[in-house]
């Protein structure tokens, strides 16, 4: 589902970029605070914006929700420590 541009400069690993995007969204931190372990912050930000404009996130959510008959779907990544 992720767009792929086969020409040009070699891409940063999509899994790494996705984890970086999820880290920013989950933490609420600004893009400039993205840890270097997730790759260049500009790459993560640019792909997030490009994929949003292309409707990739909507397609992913629709594909995840398509497997269930429930009227409402929720993806929750909450962690509770006791």
C-alpha atoms as a PDB file:
ATOM      1  CA  UNK A   1       0.000   0.000   0.000  1.00  0.00           C
ATOM      2  CA  UNK A   2       2.964   2.304   0.416  1.00  0.00           C
ATOM      3  CA  UNK A   3       3.995   4.213  -2.711  1.00  0.00           C
ATOM      4  CA  UNK A   4       7.384   3.286  -4.080  1.00  0.00           C
ATOM      5  CA  UNK A   5       9.580   5.362  -6.370  1.00  0.00           C
ATOM      6  CA  UNK A   6      12.016   2.813  -7.861  1.00  0.00           C
ATOM      7  CA  UNK A   7      14.385   5.368  -9.424  1.00  0.00           C
ATOM      8  CA  UNK A   8      16.739   7.883  -7.898  1.00  0.00           C
ATOM      9  CA  UNK A   9      18.411   7.845  -4.509  1.00  0.00           C
ATOM     10  CA  UNK A  10      18.060   4.640  -2.514  1.00  0.00           C
ATOM     11  CA  UNK A  11      15.125   4.855  -0.108  1.00  0.00           C
ATOM     12  CA  UNK A  12      15.375   4.788   3.652  1.00  0.00           C
ATOM     13  CA  UNK A  13      13.752   1.607   5.003  1.00  0.00           C
ATOM     14  CA  UNK A  14       9.944   2.033   5.047  1.00  0.00           C
ATOM     15  CA  UNK A  15       9.627   0.160   8.347  1.00  0.00           C
ATOM     16  CA  UNK A  16      12.097   2.537   9.971  1.00  0.00           C
ATOM     17  CA  UNK A  17      10.245   5.570   8.605  1.00  0.00           C
ATOM     18  CA  UNK A  18       6.853   4.201   9.719  1.00  0.00           C
ATOM     19  CA  UNK A  19       8.194   3.616  13.219  1.00  0.00           C
ATOM     20  CA  UNK A  20       9.509   7.189  13.250  1.00  0.00           C
ATOM     21  CA  UNK A  21       6.150   8.569  12.108  1.00  0.00           C
ATOM     22  CA  UNK A  22       4.322   6.510  14.738  1.00  0.00           C
ATOM     23  CA  UNK A  23       6.785   7.712  17.404  1.00  0.00           C
ATOM     24  CA  UNK A  24       6.050  11.364  16.625  1.00  0.00           C
ATOM     25  CA  UNK A  25       2.288  10.807  16.470  1.00  0.00           C
ATOM     26  CA  UNK A  26       2.253   8.757  19.681  1.00  0.00           C
ATOM     27  CA  UNK A  27       4.530  11.055  21.669  1.00  0.00           C
ATOM     28  CA  UNK A  28       3.203  14.371  20.396  1.00  0.00           C
ATOM     29  CA  UNK A  29       6.786  15.588  20.062  1.00  0.00           C
ATOM     30  CA  UNK A  30       7.777  17.942  17.228  1.00  0.00           C
ATOM     31  CA  UNK A  31       9.454  16.393  14.200  1.00  0.00           C
ATOM     32  CA  UNK A  32      12.771  18.022  15.156  1.00  0.00           C
ATOM     33  CA  UNK A  33      12.862  15.829  18.305  1.00  0.00           C
ATOM     34  CA  UNK A  34      12.616  12.557  16.364  1.00  0.00           C
ATOM     35  CA  UNK A  35      15.431  10.253  17.574  1.00  0.00           C
ATOM     36  CA  UNK A  36      18.144   9.567  14.996  1.00  0.00           C
ATOM     37  CA  UNK A  37      17.432   5.841  15.303  1.00  0.00           C
ATOM     38  CA  UNK A  38      14.397   6.351  13.034  1.00  0.00           C
ATOM     39  CA  UNK A  39      16.367   7.899  10.209  1.00  0.00           C
ATOM     40  CA  UNK A  40      16.419  11.485   8.976  1.00  0.00           C
ATOM     41  CA  UNK A  41      13.547  13.507  10.424  1.00  0.00           C
ATOM     42  CA  UNK A  42      12.994  15.272   7.102  1.00  0.00           C
ATOM     43  CA  UNK A  43      12.482  11.913   5.397  1.00  0.00           C
ATOM     44  CA  UNK A  44       9.904  10.839   7.989  1.00  0.00           C
ATOM     45  CA  UNK A  45       8.082  14.167   7.801  1.00  0.00           C
ATOM     46  CA  UNK A  46       8.114  14.345   4.000  1.00  0.00           C
ATOM     47  CA  UNK A  47       6.788  10.810   3.609  1.00  0.00           C
ATOM     48  CA  UNK A  48       4.081  11.415   6.215  1.00  0.00           C
ATOM     49  CA  UNK A  49       2.898  14.518   4.344  1.00  0.00           C
ATOM     50  CA  UNK A  50       3.157  12.925   0.892  1.00  0.00           C
ATOM     51  CA  UNK A  51       1.281   9.820   1.996  1.00  0.00           C
ATOM     52  CA  UNK A  52      -1.395  11.972   3.659  1.00  0.00           C
ATOM     53  CA  UNK A  53      -1.925  13.971   0.456  1.00  0.00           C
ATOM     54  CA  UNK A  54      -2.043  10.764  -1.602  1.00  0.00           C
ATOM     55  CA  UNK A  55      -4.651   9.210   0.700  1.00  0.00           C
ATOM     56  CA  UNK A  56      -2.393   6.347   1.759  1.00  0.00           C
ATOM     57  CA  UNK A  57      -3.371   6.615   5.445  1.00  0.00           C
ATOM     58  CA  UNK A  58      -7.075   6.456   4.536  1.00  0.00           C
ATOM     59  CA  UNK A  59      -6.461   3.347   2.406  1.00  0.00           C
ATOM     60  CA  UNK A  60      -4.590   1.670   5.253  1.00  0.00           C
ATOM     61  CA  UNK A  61      -7.386   2.426   7.744  1.00  0.00           C
ATOM     62  CA  UNK A  62     -10.031   1.177   5.299  1.00  0.00           C
ATOM     63  CA  UNK A  63      -8.082  -2.047   4.734  1.00  0.00           C
ATOM     64  CA  UNK A  64      -7.734  -2.610   8.483  1.00  0.00           C
ATOM     65  CA  UNK A  65     -11.415  -1.941   9.094  1.00  0.00           C
ATOM     66  CA  UNK A  66     -12.590  -4.053   6.114  1.00  0.00           C
ATOM     67  CA  UNK A  67     -11.906  -7.303   7.941  1.00  0.00           C
ATOM     68  CA  UNK A  68     -14.469  -6.529  10.660  1.00  0.00           C
ATOM     69  CA  UNK A  69     -18.245  -6.176  10.526  1.00  0.00           C
ATOM     70  CA  UNK A  70     -18.517  -3.832  13.517  1.00  0.00           C
ATOM     71  CA  UNK A  71     -19.868  -0.338  12.924  1.00  0.00           C
ATOM     72  CA  UNK A  72     -17.042   1.351  14.826  1.00  0.00           C
ATOM     73  CA  UNK A  73     -13.361   0.461  14.715  1.00  0.00           C
ATOM     74  CA  UNK A  74     -10.585   1.767  16.928  1.00  0.00           C
ATOM     75  CA  UNK A  75      -6.857   1.218  16.929  1.00  0.00           C
ATOM     76  CA  UNK A  76      -5.412   1.912  20.343  1.00  0.00           C
ATOM     77  CA  UNK A  77      -1.772   1.757  21.311  1.00  0.00           C
ATOM     78  CA  UNK A  78      -2.230   2.619  24.966  1.00  0.00           C
ATOM     79  CA  UNK A  79       0.156   1.019  27.414  1.00  0.00           C
ATOM     80  CA  UNK A  80      -0.788   0.625  31.048  1.00  0.00           C
ATOM     81  CA  UNK A  81       1.876  -0.101  33.633  1.00  0.00           C
ATOM     82  CA  UNK A  82       0.769  -1.336  37.023  1.00  0.00           C
END
